[in-house]
C-alpha atoms as a PDB file:
ATOM      1  CA  ILE A   1     -91.534 -49.863 -75.048  1.00  0.00           C
ATOM      2  CA  CYS A   2     -89.057 -51.129 -77.655  1.00  0.00           C
ATOM      3  CA  PRO A   3     -88.293 -48.270 -80.054  1.00  0.00           C
ATOM      4  CA  THR A   4     -86.705 -48.857 -83.376  1.00  0.00           C
ATOM      5  CA  ALA A   5     -84.034 -46.561 -84.776  1.00  0.00           C
ATOM      6  CA  PRO A   6     -84.724 -44.457 -87.847  1.00  0.00           C
ATOM      7  CA  VAL A   7     -83.334 -45.244 -91.210  1.00  0.00           C
ATOM      8  CA  ILE A   8     -80.425 -42.913 -91.844  1.00  0.00           C
ATOM      9  CA  PRO A   9     -77.305 -42.820 -94.074  1.00  0.00           C
ATOM     10  CA  VAL A  10     -74.404 -44.502 -92.174  1.00  0.00           C
ATOM     11  CA  THR A  11     -70.779 -43.340 -93.091  1.00  0.00           C
ATOM     12  CA  LEU A  12     -69.303 -46.702 -92.030  1.00  0.00           C
ATOM     13  CA  ASN A  13     -71.710 -48.494 -94.493  1.00  0.00           C
ATOM     14  CA  GLY A  14     -70.600 -46.380 -97.462  1.00  0.00           C
ATOM     15  CA  GLY A  15     -73.352 -43.798 -96.808  1.00  0.00           C
ATOM     16  CA  MET A  16     -76.113 -46.454 -97.458  1.00  0.00           C
ATOM     17  CA  ARG A  17     -79.238 -45.944 -95.489  1.00  0.00           C
ATOM     18  CA  MET A  18     -79.929 -48.344 -92.645  1.00  0.00           C
ATOM     19  CA  THR A  19     -81.582 -48.471 -89.223  1.00  0.00           C
ATOM     20  CA  ALA A  20     -79.384 -46.516 -86.922  1.00  0.00           C
ATOM     21  CA  TRP A  21     -79.734 -44.371 -83.931  1.00  0.00           C
ATOM     22  CA  PHE A  22     -76.893 -42.006 -85.067  1.00  0.00           C
ATOM     23  CA  ASP A  23     -74.219 -42.102 -87.743  1.00  0.00           C
ATOM     24  CA  LEU A  24     -71.208 -44.383 -87.231  1.00  0.00           C
ATOM     25  CA  CYS A  25     -68.092 -42.868 -88.631  1.00  0.00           C
ATOM     26  CA  SER A  26     -65.344 -45.338 -87.474  1.00  0.00           C
ATOM     27  CA  LEU A  27     -64.774 -48.617 -85.703  1.00  0.00           C
ATOM     28  CA  ASP A  28     -61.690 -47.050 -84.040  1.00  0.00           C
ATOM     29  CA  PRO A  29     -62.402 -46.040 -80.422  1.00  0.00           C
ATOM     30  CA  ASN A  30     -60.444 -42.928 -81.072  1.00  0.00           C
ATOM     31  CA  GLY A  31     -62.251 -42.111 -84.282  1.00  0.00           C
ATOM     32  CA  ARG A  32     -64.743 -39.334 -85.001  1.00  0.00           C
ATOM     33  CA  GLU A  33     -68.159 -39.716 -83.457  1.00  0.00           C
ATOM     34  CA  ASP A  34     -71.461 -38.215 -84.446  1.00  0.00           C
ATOM     35  CA  GLU A  35     -71.873 -36.079 -81.398  1.00  0.00           C
ATOM     36  CA  SER A  36     -74.924 -34.084 -82.572  1.00  0.00           C
ATOM     37  CA  GLY A  37     -76.575 -37.328 -83.772  1.00  0.00           C
ATOM     38  CA  ILE A  38     -75.864 -39.095 -80.402  1.00  0.00           C
ATOM     39  CA  LYS A  39     -77.085 -36.137 -78.384  1.00  0.00           C
ATOM     40  CA  SER A  40     -80.240 -35.868 -80.613  1.00  0.00           C
ATOM     41  CA  ALA A  41     -81.009 -39.550 -80.250  1.00  0.00           C
ATOM     42  CA  ALA A  42     -80.642 -39.314 -76.475  1.00  0.00           C
ATOM     43  CA  GLU A  43     -83.022 -36.479 -76.370  1.00  0.00           C
ATOM     44  CA  GLY A  44     -85.593 -38.631 -78.140  1.00  0.00           C
ATOM     45  CA  ILE A  45     -85.139 -41.347 -75.574  1.00  0.00           C
ATOM     46  CA  HIS A  46     -85.429 -38.812 -72.738  1.00  0.00           C
ATOM     47  CA  ARG A  47     -88.811 -37.712 -74.389  1.00  0.00           C
ATOM     48  CA  LEU A  48     -89.949 -41.371 -74.384  1.00  0.00           C
ATOM     49  CA  ILE A  49     -89.221 -41.635 -70.740  1.00  0.00           C
ATOM     50  CA  ALA A  50     -90.989 -38.282 -70.055  1.00  0.00           C
ATOM     51  CA  ASP A  51     -94.000 -39.592 -71.943  1.00  0.00           C
ATOM     52  CA  GLU A  52     -94.035 -42.784 -69.802  1.00  0.00           C
ATOM     53  CA  GLU A  53     -93.779 -40.685 -66.724  1.00  0.00           C
ATOM     54  CA  LYS A  54     -96.753 -38.554 -67.846  1.00  0.00           C
ATOM     55  CA  ALA A  55     -98.673 -41.897 -68.321  1.00  0.00           C
ATOM     56  CA  GLY A  56     -98.076 -42.727 -64.627  1.00  0.00           C
ATOM     57  CA  ILE A  57     -94.913 -44.845 -64.799  1.00  0.00           C
ATOM     58  CA  SER A  58     -92.299 -43.700 -62.353  1.00  0.00           C
ATOM     59  CA  SER A  59     -88.713 -43.370 -63.829  1.00  0.00           C
ATOM     60  CA  ASP A  60     -87.440 -45.809 -61.226  1.00  0.00           C
ATOM     61  CA  ARG A  61     -89.681 -48.371 -62.873  1.00  0.00           C
ATOM     62  CA  ILE A  62     -87.956 -47.909 -66.251  1.00  0.00           C
ATOM     63  CA  VAL A  63     -85.050 -49.882 -67.470  1.00  0.00           C
ATOM     64  CA  LEU A  64     -83.071 -48.565 -70.578  1.00  0.00           C
ATOM     65  CA  GLY A  65     -81.442 -51.338 -72.650  1.00  0.00           C
ATOM     66  CA  GLY A  66     -80.316 -52.214 -76.111  1.00  0.00           C
ATOM     67  CA  PHE A  67     -77.972 -54.161 -78.295  1.00  0.00           C
ATOM     68  CA  SER A  68     -75.072 -52.765 -80.119  1.00  0.00           C
ATOM     69  CA  MET A  69     -75.751 -49.125 -81.094  1.00  0.00           C
ATOM     70  CA  GLY A  70     -78.964 -49.401 -79.092  1.00  0.00           C
ATOM     71  CA  GLY A  71     -77.087 -50.473 -76.040  1.00  0.00           C
ATOM     72  CA  ALA A  72     -74.632 -47.625 -76.580  1.00  0.00           C
ATOM     73  CA  LEU A  73     -77.611 -45.201 -76.823  1.00  0.00           C
ATOM     74  CA  ALA A  74     -79.133 -46.693 -73.571  1.00  0.00           C
ATOM     75  CA  LEU A  75     -75.840 -46.094 -71.721  1.00  0.00           C
ATOM     76  CA  TYR A  76     -75.439 -42.574 -72.913  1.00  0.00           C
ATOM     77  CA  SER A  77     -79.087 -41.681 -72.424  1.00  0.00           C
ATOM     78  CA  GLY A  78     -79.377 -43.325 -68.974  1.00  0.00           C
ATOM     79  CA  LEU A  79     -76.286 -41.699 -67.616  1.00  0.00           C
ATOM     80  CA  ARG A  80     -77.557 -38.348 -68.922  1.00  0.00           C
ATOM     81  CA  TYR A  81     -81.025 -38.628 -67.631  1.00  0.00           C
ATOM     82  CA  PRO A  82     -81.536 -36.507 -64.383  1.00  0.00           C
ATOM     83  CA  LYS A  83     -84.002 -38.714 -62.592  1.00  0.00           C
ATOM     84  CA  PRO A  84     -83.318 -42.212 -61.221  1.00  0.00           C
ATOM     85  CA  LEU A  85     -83.944 -45.110 -63.508  1.00  0.00           C
ATOM     86  CA  ALA A  86     -84.474 -48.717 -62.398  1.00  0.00           C
ATOM     87  CA  GLY A  87     -81.542 -49.933 -64.502  1.00  0.00           C
ATOM     88  CA  ILE A  88     -79.377 -49.633 -67.716  1.00  0.00           C
ATOM     89  CA  LEU A  89     -78.633 -52.555 -69.750  1.00  0.00           C
ATOM     90  CA  GLY A  90     -75.984 -52.722 -72.535  1.00  0.00           C
ATOM     91  CA  LEU A  91     -75.516 -55.717 -74.810  1.00  0.00           C
ATOM     92  CA  SER A  92     -72.460 -55.955 -77.000  1.00  0.00           C
ATOM     93  CA  CYS A  93     -71.917 -52.256 -76.868  1.00  0.00           C
ATOM     94  CA  TRP A  94     -69.760 -49.258 -75.838  1.00  0.00           C
ATOM     95  CA  LEU A  95     -70.197 -45.873 -74.302  1.00  0.00           C
ATOM     96  CA  PRO A  96     -70.326 -43.238 -76.992  1.00  0.00           C
ATOM     97  CA  LEU A  97     -68.565 -39.813 -76.445  1.00  0.00           C
ATOM     98  CA  PHE A  98     -66.736 -41.613 -73.567  1.00  0.00           C
ATOM     99  CA  ARG A  99     -64.270 -38.791 -73.142  1.00  0.00           C
ATOM    100  CA  GLN A 100     -67.150 -36.520 -71.892  1.00  0.00           C
ATOM    101  CA  PHE A 101     -67.596 -38.877 -68.885  1.00  0.00           C
ATOM    102  CA  PRO A 102     -67.843 -38.839 -65.917  1.00  0.00           C
ATOM    103  CA  VAL A 103     -68.601 -34.954 -66.247  1.00  0.00           C
ATOM    104  CA  ALA A 104     -71.428 -35.702 -68.629  1.00  0.00           C
ATOM    105  CA  ALA A 105     -73.074 -38.182 -66.146  1.00  0.00           C
ATOM    106  CA  VAL A 106     -75.757 -35.864 -64.658  1.00  0.00           C
ATOM    107  CA  GLY A 107     -77.716 -38.714 -63.147  1.00  0.00           C
ATOM    108  CA  ASN A 108     -77.939 -42.392 -62.322  1.00  0.00           C
ATOM    109  CA  HIS A 109     -74.698 -42.852 -60.512  1.00  0.00           C
ATOM    110  CA  GLU A 110     -76.388 -45.258 -58.220  1.00  0.00           C
ATOM    111  CA  THR A 111     -78.410 -47.135 -60.954  1.00  0.00           C
ATOM    112  CA  PRO A 112     -77.369 -50.756 -61.437  1.00  0.00           C
ATOM    113  CA  ILE A 113     -75.761 -51.129 -64.896  1.00  0.00           C
ATOM    114  CA  LEU A 114     -75.299 -54.613 -66.562  1.00  0.00           C
ATOM    115  CA  LEU A 115     -73.095 -54.909 -69.551  1.00  0.00           C
ATOM    116  CA  CYS A 116     -72.844 -58.154 -71.558  1.00  0.00           C
ATOM    117  CA  HIS A 117     -70.423 -58.948 -74.327  1.00  0.00           C
ATOM    118  CA  GLY A 118     -69.164 -62.016 -76.330  1.00  0.00           C
ATOM    119  CA  ASP A 119     -65.487 -62.601 -76.308  1.00  0.00           C
ATOM    120  CA  SER A 120     -65.707 -63.423 -80.144  1.00  0.00           C
ATOM    121  CA  ASP A 121     -67.550 -60.189 -81.127  1.00  0.00           C
ATOM    122  CA  ASP A 122     -65.840 -59.107 -84.375  1.00  0.00           C
ATOM    123  CA  LEU A 123     -68.017 -56.026 -84.859  1.00  0.00           C
ATOM    124  CA  VAL A 124     -67.821 -54.386 -81.378  1.00  0.00           C
ATOM    125  CA  PRO A 125     -64.658 -55.947 -79.950  1.00  0.00           C
ATOM    126  CA  VAL A 126     -64.989 -57.236 -76.325  1.00  0.00           C
ATOM    127  CA  HIS A 127     -62.212 -54.919 -75.423  1.00  0.00           C
ATOM    128  CA  TRP A 128     -64.627 -51.942 -75.994  1.00  0.00           C
ATOM    129  CA  GLY A 129     -67.013 -53.483 -73.541  1.00  0.00           C
ATOM    130  CA  GLN A 130     -64.291 -54.005 -70.957  1.00  0.00           C
ATOM    131  CA  LEU A 131     -62.992 -50.416 -71.369  1.00  0.00           C
ATOM    132  CA  THR A 132     -66.579 -49.112 -70.987  1.00  0.00           C
ATOM    133  CA  SER A 133     -67.041 -51.196 -67.787  1.00  0.00           C
ATOM    134  CA  GLU A 134     -63.777 -49.853 -66.391  1.00  0.00           C
ATOM    135  CA  LEU A 135     -64.704 -46.297 -67.124  1.00  0.00           C
ATOM    136  CA  LEU A 136     -68.142 -46.585 -65.703  1.00  0.00           C
ATOM    137  CA  LYS A 137     -66.773 -48.216 -62.508  1.00  0.00           C
ATOM    138  CA  LYS A 138     -64.929 -44.930 -61.883  1.00  0.00           C
ATOM    139  CA  PHE A 139     -68.149 -42.993 -61.250  1.00  0.00           C
ATOM    140  CA  ALA A 140     -71.102 -45.441 -61.105  1.00  0.00           C
ATOM    141  CA  ARG A 141     -71.573 -47.473 -58.008  1.00  0.00           C
ATOM    142  CA  ASP A 142     -73.015 -50.756 -59.336  1.00  0.00           C
ATOM    143  CA  VAL A 143     -71.609 -51.930 -62.672  1.00  0.00           C
ATOM    144  CA  THR A 144     -71.564 -55.588 -63.644  1.00  0.00           C
ATOM    145  CA  PHE A 145     -69.659 -56.847 -66.842  1.00  0.00           C
ATOM    146  CA  ARG A 146     -70.403 -60.370 -68.149  1.00  0.00           C
ATOM    147  CA  GLN A 147     -68.414 -61.981 -70.878  1.00  0.00           C
ATOM    148  CA  TYR A 148     -69.443 -64.983 -72.803  1.00  0.00           C
ATOM    149  CA  LYS A 149     -67.175 -67.547 -74.268  1.00  0.00           C
ATOM    150  CA  GLY A 150     -67.511 -67.995 -78.048  1.00  0.00           C
ATOM    151  CA  MET A 151     -70.388 -65.488 -78.438  1.00  0.00           C
ATOM    152  CA  GLY A 152     -70.015 -63.090 -81.378  1.00  0.00           C
ATOM    153  CA  HIS A 153     -72.113 -59.980 -81.982  1.00  0.00           C
ATOM    154  CA  SER A 154     -75.178 -61.700 -81.010  1.00  0.00           C
ATOM    155  CA  SER A 155     -76.732 -63.296 -77.988  1.00  0.00           C
ATOM    156  CA  CYS A 156     -76.590 -66.697 -76.277  1.00  0.00           C
ATOM    157  CA  GLU A 157     -78.712 -68.594 -73.791  1.00  0.00           C
ATOM    158  CA  GLU A 158     -76.517 -67.790 -70.771  1.00  0.00           C
ATOM    159  CA  GLU A 159     -76.781 -64.037 -71.655  1.00  0.00           C
ATOM    160  CA  THR A 160     -80.591 -64.209 -72.036  1.00  0.00           C
ATOM    161  CA  LYS A 161     -80.765 -65.879 -68.633  1.00  0.00           C
ATOM    162  CA  ASP A 162     -78.477 -63.193 -67.066  1.00  0.00           C
ATOM    163  CA  VAL A 163     -80.623 -60.476 -68.498  1.00  0.00           C
ATOM    164  CA  ALA A 164     -83.911 -62.063 -67.254  1.00  0.00           C
ATOM    165  CA  VAL A 165     -82.349 -62.281 -63.641  1.00  0.00           C
ATOM    166  CA  TYR A 166     -81.213 -58.674 -63.923  1.00  0.00           C
ATOM    167  CA  LEU A 167     -84.674 -57.423 -65.155  1.00  0.00           C
ATOM    168  CA  GLN A 168     -86.517 -59.382 -62.443  1.00  0.00           C
ATOM    169  CA  SER A 169     -84.261 -57.914 -59.836  1.00  0.00           C
ATOM    170  CA  ARG A 170     -84.712 -54.373 -61.103  1.00  0.00           C
ATOM    171  CA  LEU A 171     -88.442 -54.565 -61.863  1.00  0.00           C
ATOM    172  CA  PRO A 172     -89.965 -56.722 -59.167  1.00  0.00           C
ATOM    173  CA  PRO A 173     -93.732 -57.193 -59.217  1.00  0.00           C
ATOM    174  CA  GLN A 174     -95.585 -54.355 -57.499  1.00  0.00           C
ATOM    175  CA  PRO A 175     -98.197 -55.227 -54.876  1.00  0.00           C
END
């Protein structure tokens, strides 16, 4: 399942409506965050996972992942989900509401997490990805951070290959 965020007004974009999981108020890591919007979006992701489980897919066969804000939501939602997931994948992202962690991490301390970030990202600075990785390593058992030379707020062939290897390792074919 690859859900798309709703169209909402975004403060950082002058209040213009755009596809976003929650409002972005600042590009400063210490700036105000849309806590209620982040939590509401995470609840929506948790409902999607629950729907998949009702359809017969075990949570340990589900990888949450996303790019930028979607990756941020995947990290937050995955760490807040009480059942084990197969993996959590964050591309060019950060951990929202990071001050609430590790206390807020109710599950998935053992779930392998892959973070990928370009060293030339001018929208979500690579430093945010590095700080996220450092924080996660304080309470999550298996965190990998990959940095890509010359990559901006986008993707590259090397990252795509790393993601494919990660997904194949987390979701091997079932007999």
